[in-house]
Amino acid sequence: MEVTMLATSCDKKDCPTIYKTDRGALLVQGGTPVDHGLQIPAHETLVEIPLELFQKAIRDNLI
């Protein structure tokens, strides 16, 4: 899979980030919330992404 960074909230590699793939999908990097109260299947996960990051990606016509 080929991955391209679209938007990030900082210059480090440990910040919420949005990537696109050559498969026509998005990948998101962010913190794993533990207080959500949801039941998530073992093969899936949740990540918490600041709304500002999505707003930046949309404003910059990246997604």
PDB file of N, CA and C in Angstrom:
ATOM      1  N   MET A   1       0.849  -1.171   0.000  1.00  0.00           N
ATOM      2  CA  MET A   1       0.000   0.000   0.000  1.00  0.00           C
ATOM      3  C   MET A   1       0.895   1.234   0.000  1.00  0.00           C
ATOM      4  N   GLU A   2       0.546   2.187  -0.859  1.00  0.00           N
ATOM      5  CA  GLU A   2       1.259   3.458  -0.900  1.00  0.00           C
ATOM      6  C   GLU A   2       0.468   4.486  -0.100  1.00  0.00           C
ATOM      7  N   VAL A   3       1.149   5.200   0.803  1.00  0.00           N
ATOM      8  CA  VAL A   3       0.495   6.138   1.717  1.00  0.00           C
ATOM      9  C   VAL A   3       1.110   7.524   1.550  1.00  0.00           C
ATOM     10  N   THR A   4       0.250   8.542   1.464  1.00  0.00           N
ATOM     11  CA  THR A   4       0.692   9.929   1.339  1.00  0.00           C
ATOM     12  C   THR A   4       0.065  10.751   2.457  1.00  0.00           C
ATOM     13  N   MET A   5       0.879  11.522   3.171  1.00  0.00           N
ATOM     14  CA  MET A   5       0.370  12.380   4.230  1.00  0.00           C
ATOM     15  C   MET A   5      -0.391  13.553   3.607  1.00  0.00           C
ATOM     16  N   LEU A   6      -1.590  13.810   4.108  1.00  0.00           N
ATOM     17  CA  LEU A   6      -2.384  14.946   3.630  1.00  0.00           C
ATOM     18  C   LEU A   6      -2.325  16.128   4.577  1.00  0.00           C
ATOM     19  N   ALA A   7      -2.574  15.877   5.852  1.00  0.00           N
ATOM     20  CA  ALA A   7      -2.629  16.972   6.830  1.00  0.00           C
ATOM     21  C   ALA A   7      -2.210  16.434   8.185  1.00  0.00           C
ATOM     22  N   THR A   8      -1.520  17.282   8.940  1.00  0.00           N
ATOM     23  CA  THR A   8      -1.097  16.916  10.286  1.00  0.00           C
ATOM     24  C   THR A   8      -1.249  18.122  11.197  1.00  0.00           C
ATOM     25  N   SER A   9      -1.272  17.869  12.491  1.00  0.00           N
ATOM     26  CA  SER A   9      -1.445  18.979  13.428  1.00  0.00           C
ATOM     27  C   SER A   9      -0.118  19.459  13.997  1.00  0.00           C
ATOM     28  N   CYS A  10       1.002  18.873  13.570  1.00  0.00           N
ATOM     29  CA  CYS A  10       2.318  19.351  14.010  1.00  0.00           C
ATOM     30  C   CYS A  10       3.398  18.816  13.073  1.00  0.00           C
ATOM     31  N   ASP A  11       4.632  19.187  13.324  1.00  0.00           N
ATOM     32  CA  ASP A  11       5.754  18.759  12.485  1.00  0.00           C
ATOM     33  C   ASP A  11       6.385  17.455  12.956  1.00  0.00           C
ATOM     34  N   LYS A  12       5.946  16.948  14.092  1.00  0.00           N
ATOM     35  CA  LYS A  12       6.486  15.695  14.606  1.00  0.00           C
ATOM     36  C   LYS A  12       5.725  14.528  13.988  1.00  0.00           C
ATOM     37  N   LYS A  13       6.152  13.312  14.271  1.00  0.00           N
ATOM     38  CA  LYS A  13       5.471  12.134  13.732  1.00  0.00           C
ATOM     39  C   LYS A  13       4.521  11.506  14.736  1.00  0.00           C
ATOM     40  N   ASP A  14       4.283  12.163  15.858  1.00  0.00           N
ATOM     41  CA  ASP A  14       3.407  11.588  16.884  1.00  0.00           C
ATOM     42  C   ASP A  14       2.181  12.458  17.123  1.00  0.00           C
ATOM     43  N   CYS A  15       1.649  13.061  16.059  1.00  0.00           N
ATOM     44  CA  CYS A  15       0.489  13.941  16.155  1.00  0.00           C
ATOM     45  C   CYS A  15      -0.643  13.392  15.297  1.00  0.00           C
ATOM     46  N   PRO A  16      -1.877  13.803  15.571  1.00  0.00           N
ATOM     47  CA  PRO A  16      -2.971  13.412  14.690  1.00  0.00           C
ATOM     48  C   PRO A  16      -2.661  13.784  13.243  1.00  0.00           C
ATOM     49  N   THR A  17      -2.873  12.839  12.353  1.00  0.00           N
ATOM     50  CA  THR A  17      -2.516  13.007  10.948  1.00  0.00           C
ATOM     51  C   THR A  17      -3.541  12.296  10.076  1.00  0.00           C
ATOM     52  N   ILE A  18      -3.790  12.845   8.886  1.00  0.00           N
ATOM     53  CA  ILE A  18      -4.631  12.213   7.889  1.00  0.00           C
ATOM     54  C   ILE A  18      -3.744  11.826   6.706  1.00  0.00           C
ATOM     55  N   TYR A  19      -3.898  10.581   6.264  1.00  0.00           N
ATOM     56  CA  TYR A  19      -3.161  10.057   5.111  1.00  0.00           C
ATOM     57  C   TYR A  19      -4.162   9.568   4.069  1.00  0.00           C
ATOM     58  N   LYS A  20      -3.740   9.547   2.807  1.00  0.00           N
ATOM     59  CA  LYS A  20      -4.545   8.891   1.780  1.00  0.00           C
ATOM     60  C   LYS A  20      -3.736   7.706   1.256  1.00  0.00           C
ATOM     61  N   THR A  21      -4.450   6.708   0.758  1.00  0.00           N
ATOM     62  CA  THR A  21      -3.795   5.521   0.227  1.00  0.00           C
ATOM     63  C   THR A  21      -4.020   5.426  -1.279  1.00  0.00           C
ATOM     64  N   ASP A  22      -3.235   4.591  -1.913  1.00  0.00           N
ATOM     65  CA  ASP A  22      -3.425   4.348  -3.339  1.00  0.00           C
ATOM     66  C   ASP A  22      -4.614   3.425  -3.594  1.00  0.00           C
ATOM     67  N   ARG A  23      -5.311   3.050  -2.532  1.00  0.00           N
ATOM     68  CA  ARG A  23      -6.509   2.226  -2.635  1.00  0.00           C
ATOM     69  C   ARG A  23      -7.785   3.072  -2.585  1.00  0.00           C
ATOM     70  N   GLY A  24      -7.625   4.403  -2.584  1.00  0.00           N
ATOM     71  CA  GLY A  24      -8.780   5.294  -2.535  1.00  0.00           C
ATOM     72  C   GLY A  24      -9.407   5.379  -1.159  1.00  0.00           C
ATOM     73  N   ALA A  25      -8.580   5.303  -0.120  1.00  0.00           N
ATOM     74  CA  ALA A  25      -9.069   5.341   1.260  1.00  0.00           C
ATOM     75  C   ALA A  25      -8.253   6.343   2.072  1.00  0.00           C
ATOM     76  N   LEU A  26      -8.754   6.669   3.265  1.00  0.00           N
ATOM     77  CA  LEU A  26      -8.040   7.524   4.207  1.00  0.00           C
ATOM     78  C   LEU A  26      -7.593   6.695   5.395  1.00  0.00           C
ATOM     79  N   LEU A  27      -6.439   7.017   5.932  1.00  0.00           N
ATOM     80  CA  LEU A  27      -5.957   6.483   7.198  1.00  0.00           C
ATOM     81  C   LEU A  27      -5.858   7.661   8.154  1.00  0.00           C
ATOM     82  N   VAL A  28      -6.187   7.451   9.406  1.00  0.00           N
ATOM     83  CA  VAL A  28      -6.053   8.509  10.392  1.00  0.00           C
ATOM     84  C   VAL A  28      -5.189   8.031  11.541  1.00  0.00           C
ATOM     85  N   GLN A  29      -4.367   8.917  12.026  1.00  0.00           N
ATOM     86  CA  GLN A  29      -3.500   8.653  13.174  1.00  0.00           C
ATOM     87  C   GLN A  29      -3.953   9.574  14.287  1.00  0.00           C
ATOM     88  N   GLY A  30      -4.144   9.012  15.460  1.00  0.00           N
ATOM     89  CA  GLY A  30      -4.562   9.827  16.582  1.00  0.00           C
ATOM     90  C   GLY A  30      -4.521   9.032  17.869  1.00  0.00           C
ATOM     91  N   GLY A  31      -4.878   9.664  18.947  1.00  0.00           N
ATOM     92  CA  GLY A  31      -4.886   9.017  20.248  1.00  0.00           C
ATOM     93  C   GLY A  31      -6.009   7.990  20.354  1.00  0.00           C
ATOM     94  N   THR A  32      -5.788   6.955  21.138  1.00  0.00           N
ATOM     95  CA  THR A  32      -6.799   5.931  21.360  1.00  0.00           C
ATOM     96  C   THR A  32      -7.597   6.279  22.609  1.00  0.00           C
ATOM     97  N   PRO A  33      -8.864   6.646  22.448  1.00  0.00           N
ATOM     98  CA  PRO A  33      -9.673   6.984  23.621  1.00  0.00           C
ATOM     99  C   PRO A  33     -10.039   5.730  24.403  1.00  0.00           C
ATOM    100  N   VAL A  34     -10.130   5.872  25.719  1.00  0.00           N
ATOM    101  CA  VAL A  34     -10.476   4.720  26.557  1.00  0.00           C
ATOM    102  C   VAL A  34     -11.779   4.921  27.308  1.00  0.00           C
ATOM    103  N   ASP A  35     -12.341   6.100  27.262  1.00  0.00           N
ATOM    104  CA  ASP A  35     -13.533   6.403  28.051  1.00  0.00           C
ATOM    105  C   ASP A  35     -14.784   6.563  27.197  1.00  0.00           C
ATOM    106  N   HIS A  36     -14.849   5.890  26.059  1.00  0.00           N
ATOM    107  CA  HIS A  36     -15.954   6.071  25.128  1.00  0.00           C
ATOM    108  C   HIS A  36     -17.181   5.218  25.448  1.00  0.00           C
ATOM    109  N   GLY A  37     -17.040   4.117  26.155  1.00  0.00           N
ATOM    110  CA  GLY A  37     -18.164   3.271  26.519  1.00  0.00           C
ATOM    111  C   GLY A  37     -18.753   2.458  25.373  1.00  0.00           C
ATOM    112  N   LEU A  38     -18.076   2.412  24.241  1.00  0.00           N
ATOM    113  CA  LEU A  38     -18.555   1.659  23.086  1.00  0.00           C
ATOM    114  C   LEU A  38     -17.975   0.250  23.084  1.00  0.00           C
ATOM    115  N   GLN A  39     -18.660  -0.670  22.431  1.00  0.00           N
ATOM    116  CA  GLN A  39     -18.136  -2.016  22.249  1.00  0.00           C
ATOM    117  C   GLN A  39     -17.645  -2.126  20.807  1.00  0.00           C
ATOM    118  N   ILE A  40     -16.342  -2.200  20.642  1.00  0.00           N
ATOM    119  CA  ILE A  40     -15.710  -2.228  19.327  1.00  0.00           C
ATOM    120  C   ILE A  40     -15.191  -3.642  19.074  1.00  0.00           C
ATOM    121  N   PRO A  41     -15.434  -4.214  17.889  1.00  0.00           N
ATOM    122  CA  PRO A  41     -14.902  -5.544  17.590  1.00  0.00           C
ATOM    123  C   PRO A  41     -13.377  -5.573  17.739  1.00  0.00           C
ATOM    124  N   ALA A  42     -12.841  -6.720  18.072  1.00  0.00           N
ATOM    125  CA  ALA A  42     -11.402  -6.868  18.321  1.00  0.00           C
ATOM    126  C   ALA A  42     -10.556  -6.475  17.110  1.00  0.00           C
ATOM    127  N   HIS A  43     -11.084  -6.615  15.909  1.00  0.00           N
ATOM    128  CA  HIS A  43     -10.302  -6.301  14.701  1.00  0.00           C
ATOM    129  C   HIS A  43     -10.405  -4.826  14.300  1.00  0.00           C
ATOM    130  N   GLU A  44     -11.110  -4.022  15.088  1.00  0.00           N
ATOM    131  CA  GLU A  44     -11.243  -2.594  14.808  1.00  0.00           C
ATOM    132  C   GLU A  44     -10.743  -1.783  15.998  1.00  0.00           C
ATOM    133  N   THR A  45     -10.563  -0.476  15.766  1.00  0.00           N
ATOM    134  CA  THR A  45     -10.149   0.416  16.841  1.00  0.00           C
ATOM    135  C   THR A  45     -10.758   1.791  16.611  1.00  0.00           C
ATOM    136  N   LEU A  46     -10.721   2.623  17.605  1.00  0.00           N
ATOM    137  CA  LEU A  46     -11.134   4.015  17.501  1.00  0.00           C
ATOM    138  C   LEU A  46      -9.906   4.891  17.663  1.00  0.00           C
ATOM    139  N   VAL A  47      -9.890   6.014  16.973  1.00  0.00           N
ATOM    140  CA  VAL A  47      -8.865   7.023  17.201  1.00  0.00           C
ATOM    141  C   VAL A  47      -9.565   8.362  17.344  1.00  0.00           C
ATOM    142  N   GLU A  48      -9.004   9.228  18.144  1.00  0.00           N
ATOM    143  CA  GLU A  48      -9.576  10.551  18.368  1.00  0.00           C
ATOM    144  C   GLU A  48      -8.777  11.576  17.574  1.00  0.00           C
ATOM    145  N   ILE A  49      -9.462  12.259  16.659  1.00  0.00           N
ATOM    146  CA  ILE A  49      -8.823  13.237  15.773  1.00  0.00           C
ATOM    147  C   ILE A  49      -9.470  14.596  16.023  1.00  0.00           C
ATOM    148  N   PRO A  50      -8.670  15.629  16.258  1.00  0.00           N
ATOM    149  CA  PRO A  50      -9.243  16.968  16.462  1.00  0.00           C
ATOM    150  C   PRO A  50     -10.012  17.432  15.219  1.00  0.00           C
ATOM    151  N   LEU A  51     -11.186  18.024  15.412  1.00  0.00           N
ATOM    152  CA  LEU A  51     -11.960  18.547  14.289  1.00  0.00           C
ATOM    153  C   LEU A  51     -11.158  19.542  13.463  1.00  0.00           C
ATOM    154  N   GLU A  52     -10.291  20.290  14.107  1.00  0.00           N
ATOM    155  CA  GLU A  52      -9.480  21.285  13.398  1.00  0.00           C
ATOM    156  C   GLU A  52      -8.629  20.649  12.304  1.00  0.00           C
ATOM    157  N   LEU A  53      -8.187  19.400  12.517  1.00  0.00           N
ATOM    158  CA  LEU A  53      -7.364  18.728  11.517  1.00  0.00           C
ATOM    159  C   LEU A  53      -8.191  18.422  10.269  1.00  0.00           C
ATOM    160  N   PHE A  54      -9.421  17.937  10.447  1.00  0.00           N
ATOM    161  CA  PHE A  54     -10.293  17.698   9.302  1.00  0.00           C
ATOM    162  C   PHE A  54     -10.658  19.000   8.613  1.00  0.00           C
ATOM    163  N   GLN A  55     -10.915  20.038   9.393  1.00  0.00           N
ATOM    164  CA  GLN A  55     -11.238  21.337   8.806  1.00  0.00           C
ATOM    165  C   GLN A  55     -10.076  21.850   7.959  1.00  0.00           C
ATOM    166  N   LYS A  56      -8.858  21.653   8.436  1.00  0.00           N
ATOM    167  CA  LYS A  56      -7.672  22.082   7.678  1.00  0.00           C
ATOM    168  C   LYS A  56      -7.569  21.299   6.371  1.00  0.00           C
ATOM    169  N   ALA A  57      -7.776  19.999   6.432  1.00  0.00           N
ATOM    170  CA  ALA A  57      -7.684  19.166   5.222  1.00  0.00           C
ATOM    171  C   ALA A  57      -8.756  19.566   4.200  1.00  0.00           C
ATOM    172  N   ILE A  58      -9.954  19.854   4.667  1.00  0.00           N
ATOM    173  CA  ILE A  58     -11.037  20.270   3.769  1.00  0.00           C
ATOM    174  C   ILE A  58     -10.755  21.652   3.214  1.00  0.00           C
ATOM    175  N   ARG A  59     -10.331  22.584   4.060  1.00  0.00           N
ATOM    176  CA  ARG A  59     -10.024  23.956   3.629  1.00  0.00           C
ATOM    177  C   ARG A  59      -8.930  23.966   2.565  1.00  0.00           C
ATOM    178  N   ASP A  60      -7.944  23.065   2.710  1.00  0.00           N
ATOM    179  CA  ASP A  60      -6.840  22.995   1.768  1.00  0.00           C
ATOM    180  C   ASP A  60      -7.148  22.094   0.569  1.00  0.00           C
ATOM    181  N   ASN A  61      -8.427  21.677   0.439  1.00  0.00           N
ATOM    182  CA  ASN A  61      -8.875  20.819  -0.663  1.00  0.00           C
ATOM    183  C   ASN A  61      -8.090  19.514  -0.761  1.00  0.00           C
ATOM    184  N   LEU A  62      -7.759  18.941   0.387  1.00  0.00           N
ATOM    185  CA  LEU A  62      -7.005  17.683   0.403  1.00  0.00           C
ATOM    186  C   LEU A  62      -7.930  16.472   0.454  1.00  0.00           C
ATOM    187  N   ILE A  63      -9.132  16.672   1.019  1.00  0.00           N
ATOM    188  CA  ILE A  63     -10.127  15.591   1.025  1.00  0.00           C
ATOM    189  C   ILE A  63     -11.477  16.158   0.644  1.00  0.00           C
TER     190      ILE A  63
END
